[in-house]
Amino acid sequence: MGTLGFFPVSKEISDARSLVLPTEGTYDERPSKRITLGLRVLNQSRNVIVLGTGVSKADIVKKVFLDEDSELPVSKISLEKGRLVWLLDKDAARCLPYKFLSQSSYWSP
């Protein structure tokens, strides 16, 4: 099990070859440095779980599911085999239409 921690403006998201990458950005108005799994690891995974909580994630969730924004880091995940699961709370899913949410308890962009 590992964690992906790209910042939205990360240049590292373009690196499809590395297993592990350093990344840095700003989190809560403070500089932050992290080590993250690379897309190579994620795209070869059996299961990837995306956790989205809070109102601050609502616009991002909308962009991924409805606008199909391919520039967001999470949009770069393309599993070769396996399952991409989204776990969202009400606040993070607030911009998604009810009809979309009521179709299934499991959905992916």
C-alpha atoms as a PDB file:
ATOM      1  CA  MET A   1       0.000   0.000   0.000  1.00  0.00           C
ATOM      2  CA  GLY A   2       1.267   3.487  -0.812  1.00  0.00           C
ATOM      3  CA  THR A   3       0.138   7.059  -1.175  1.00  0.00           C
ATOM      4  CA  LEU A   4       0.107   9.404  -4.130  1.00  0.00           C
ATOM      5  CA  GLY A   5       0.637  13.005  -3.117  1.00  0.00           C
ATOM      6  CA  PHE A   6       0.958  15.202  -6.189  1.00  0.00           C
ATOM      7  CA  PHE A   7       0.232  18.885  -5.898  1.00  0.00           C
ATOM      8  CA  PRO A   8      -2.086  20.202  -8.662  1.00  0.00           C
ATOM      9  CA  VAL A   9       0.748  22.076 -10.401  1.00  0.00           C
ATOM     10  CA  SER A  10       3.318  19.291 -10.047  1.00  0.00           C
ATOM     11  CA  LYS A  11       5.641  18.813 -12.987  1.00  0.00           C
ATOM     12  CA  GLU A  12       6.224  15.276 -11.707  1.00  0.00           C
ATOM     13  CA  ILE A  13       2.817  14.152 -12.935  1.00  0.00           C
ATOM     14  CA  SER A  14       4.292  13.944 -16.451  1.00  0.00           C
ATOM     15  CA  ASP A  15       6.826  11.321 -15.325  1.00  0.00           C
ATOM     16  CA  ALA A  16       5.311   7.962 -16.285  1.00  0.00           C
ATOM     17  CA  ARG A  17       8.558   5.995 -15.725  1.00  0.00           C
ATOM     18  CA  SER A  18       9.586   6.630 -12.117  1.00  0.00           C
ATOM     19  CA  LEU A  19       8.406   4.467  -9.252  1.00  0.00           C
ATOM     20  CA  VAL A  20       8.887   7.102  -6.541  1.00  0.00           C
ATOM     21  CA  LEU A  21       9.269  10.867  -6.925  1.00  0.00           C
ATOM     22  CA  PRO A  22      10.019  13.908  -4.769  1.00  0.00           C
ATOM     23  CA  THR A  23       7.407  16.656  -5.056  1.00  0.00           C
ATOM     24  CA  GLU A  24       6.946  20.037  -3.452  1.00  0.00           C
ATOM     25  CA  GLY A  25       4.296  22.699  -3.322  1.00  0.00           C
ATOM     26  CA  THR A  26       2.212  24.692  -0.887  1.00  0.00           C
ATOM     27  CA  TYR A  27      -0.233  23.135   1.536  1.00  0.00           C
ATOM     28  CA  ASP A  28      -2.287  25.317   3.918  1.00  0.00           C
ATOM     29  CA  GLU A  29      -0.150  28.280   2.834  1.00  0.00           C
ATOM     30  CA  ARG A  30       3.057  26.517   3.959  1.00  0.00           C
ATOM     31  CA  PRO A  31       5.792  25.059   1.770  1.00  0.00           C
ATOM     32  CA  SER A  32       5.599  21.282   1.750  1.00  0.00           C
ATOM     33  CA  LYS A  33       7.936  18.592   0.457  1.00  0.00           C
ATOM     34  CA  ARG A  34       6.756  15.029  -0.066  1.00  0.00           C
ATOM     35  CA  ILE A  35       7.751  11.733  -1.560  1.00  0.00           C
ATOM     36  CA  THR A  36       5.055  10.216  -3.745  1.00  0.00           C
ATOM     37  CA  LEU A  37       4.418   7.087  -5.752  1.00  0.00           C
ATOM     38  CA  GLY A  38       4.754   7.598  -9.484  1.00  0.00           C
ATOM     39  CA  LEU A  39       2.101   6.975 -12.098  1.00  0.00           C
ATOM     40  CA  ARG A  40       3.954   3.848 -13.188  1.00  0.00           C
ATOM     41  CA  VAL A  41       3.201   2.221  -9.828  1.00  0.00           C
ATOM     42  CA  LEU A  42      -0.407   3.428  -9.764  1.00  0.00           C
ATOM     43  CA  ASN A  43      -1.226   2.361 -13.290  1.00  0.00           C
ATOM     44  CA  GLN A  44       0.034  -1.164 -12.559  1.00  0.00           C
ATOM     45  CA  SER A  45      -1.926  -1.448  -9.293  1.00  0.00           C
ATOM     46  CA  ARG A  46      -4.817  -3.842  -8.712  1.00  0.00           C
ATOM     47  CA  ASN A  47      -6.806  -1.265  -6.776  1.00  0.00           C
ATOM     48  CA  VAL A  48      -6.505   2.487  -6.436  1.00  0.00           C
ATOM     49  CA  ILE A  49      -8.709   4.349  -3.978  1.00  0.00           C
ATOM     50  CA  VAL A  50      -9.226   8.086  -4.331  1.00  0.00           C
ATOM     51  CA  LEU A  51     -10.463   9.730  -1.138  1.00  0.00           C
ATOM     52  CA  GLY A  52     -12.163  13.104  -1.472  1.00  0.00           C
ATOM     53  CA  THR A  53     -13.560  14.918   1.538  1.00  0.00           C
ATOM     54  CA  GLY A  54     -14.742  18.434   2.166  1.00  0.00           C
ATOM     55  CA  VAL A  55     -16.125  21.349   0.193  1.00  0.00           C
ATOM     56  CA  SER A  56     -12.639  22.251  -1.063  1.00  0.00           C
ATOM     57  CA  LYS A  57     -12.622  19.063  -3.189  1.00  0.00           C
ATOM     58  CA  ALA A  58     -16.066  19.608  -4.790  1.00  0.00           C
ATOM     59  CA  ASP A  59     -14.793  21.616  -7.762  1.00  0.00           C
ATOM     60  CA  ILE A  60     -12.018  19.100  -8.446  1.00  0.00           C
ATOM     61  CA  VAL A  61     -14.479  16.173  -8.317  1.00  0.00           C
ATOM     62  CA  LYS A  62     -16.785  18.022 -10.727  1.00  0.00           C
ATOM     63  CA  LYS A  63     -13.898  18.690 -13.123  1.00  0.00           C
ATOM     64  CA  VAL A  64     -12.872  15.030 -13.136  1.00  0.00           C
ATOM     65  CA  PHE A  65     -16.332  13.461 -13.466  1.00  0.00           C
ATOM     66  CA  LEU A  66     -18.313  16.011 -15.480  1.00  0.00           C
ATOM     67  CA  ASP A  67     -15.789  18.197 -17.300  1.00  0.00           C
ATOM     68  CA  GLU A  68     -13.305  15.350 -17.891  1.00  0.00           C
ATOM     69  CA  ASP A  69     -10.407  17.714 -17.098  1.00  0.00           C
ATOM     70  CA  SER A  70      -7.326  15.760 -18.152  1.00  0.00           C
ATOM     71  CA  GLU A  71      -4.875  18.255 -16.660  1.00  0.00           C
ATOM     72  CA  LEU A  72      -5.636  17.328 -13.054  1.00  0.00           C
ATOM     73  CA  PRO A  73      -3.183  14.835 -11.510  1.00  0.00           C
ATOM     74  CA  VAL A  74      -5.945  12.347 -10.609  1.00  0.00           C
ATOM     75  CA  SER A  75      -7.031  12.301 -14.257  1.00  0.00           C
ATOM     76  CA  LYS A  76      -3.641  10.870 -15.212  1.00  0.00           C
ATOM     77  CA  ILE A  77      -4.393   7.576 -13.474  1.00  0.00           C
ATOM     78  CA  SER A  78      -5.143   4.956 -16.127  1.00  0.00           C
ATOM     79  CA  LEU A  79      -5.043   1.456 -14.693  1.00  0.00           C
ATOM     80  CA  GLU A  80      -3.807  -1.300 -16.978  1.00  0.00           C
ATOM     81  CA  LYS A  81      -5.828  -3.817 -14.965  1.00  0.00           C
ATOM     82  CA  GLY A  82      -7.630  -3.279 -11.723  1.00  0.00           C
ATOM     83  CA  ARG A  83     -10.207  -0.995 -10.245  1.00  0.00           C
ATOM     84  CA  LEU A  84     -10.269   2.714  -9.500  1.00  0.00           C
ATOM     85  CA  VAL A  85     -12.583   3.422  -6.553  1.00  0.00           C
ATOM     86  CA  TRP A  86     -13.713   6.875  -5.448  1.00  0.00           C
ATOM     87  CA  LEU A  87     -14.767   7.466  -1.832  1.00  0.00           C
ATOM     88  CA  LEU A  88     -16.457  10.861  -1.504  1.00  0.00           C
ATOM     89  CA  ASP A  89     -18.328  12.510   1.302  1.00  0.00           C
ATOM     90  CA  LYS A  90     -21.417  14.672   0.653  1.00  0.00           C
ATOM     91  CA  ASP A  91     -19.391  17.879   0.592  1.00  0.00           C
ATOM     92  CA  ALA A  92     -16.923  16.610  -2.014  1.00  0.00           C
ATOM     93  CA  ALA A  93     -19.760  15.217  -4.179  1.00  0.00           C
ATOM     94  CA  ARG A  94     -21.978  18.293  -3.868  1.00  0.00           C
ATOM     95  CA  CYS A  95     -21.434  19.491  -7.478  1.00  0.00           C
ATOM     96  CA  LEU A  96     -22.376  16.143  -9.000  1.00  0.00           C
ATOM     97  CA  PRO A  97     -25.988  15.801 -10.172  1.00  0.00           C
ATOM     98  CA  TYR A  98     -28.234  13.578  -8.067  1.00  0.00           C
ATOM     99  CA  LYS A  99     -29.107  11.448 -11.096  1.00  0.00           C
ATOM    100  CA  PHE A 100     -25.404  10.715 -11.542  1.00  0.00           C
ATOM    101  CA  LEU A 101     -24.977   9.702  -7.904  1.00  0.00           C
ATOM    102  CA  SER A 102     -28.144   7.629  -7.712  1.00  0.00           C
ATOM    103  CA  GLN A 103     -27.231   5.393 -10.670  1.00  0.00           C
ATOM    104  CA  SER A 104     -24.848   3.284  -8.611  1.00  0.00           C
ATOM    105  CA  SER A 105     -22.955   3.175  -5.374  1.00  0.00           C
ATOM    106  CA  TYR A 106     -19.801   2.620  -7.420  1.00  0.00           C
ATOM    107  CA  TRP A 107     -18.802   4.937 -10.229  1.00  0.00           C
ATOM    108  CA  SER A 108     -15.656   6.127 -11.910  1.00  0.00           C
ATOM    109  CA  PRO A 109     -14.944   8.875 -14.417  1.00  0.00           C
END
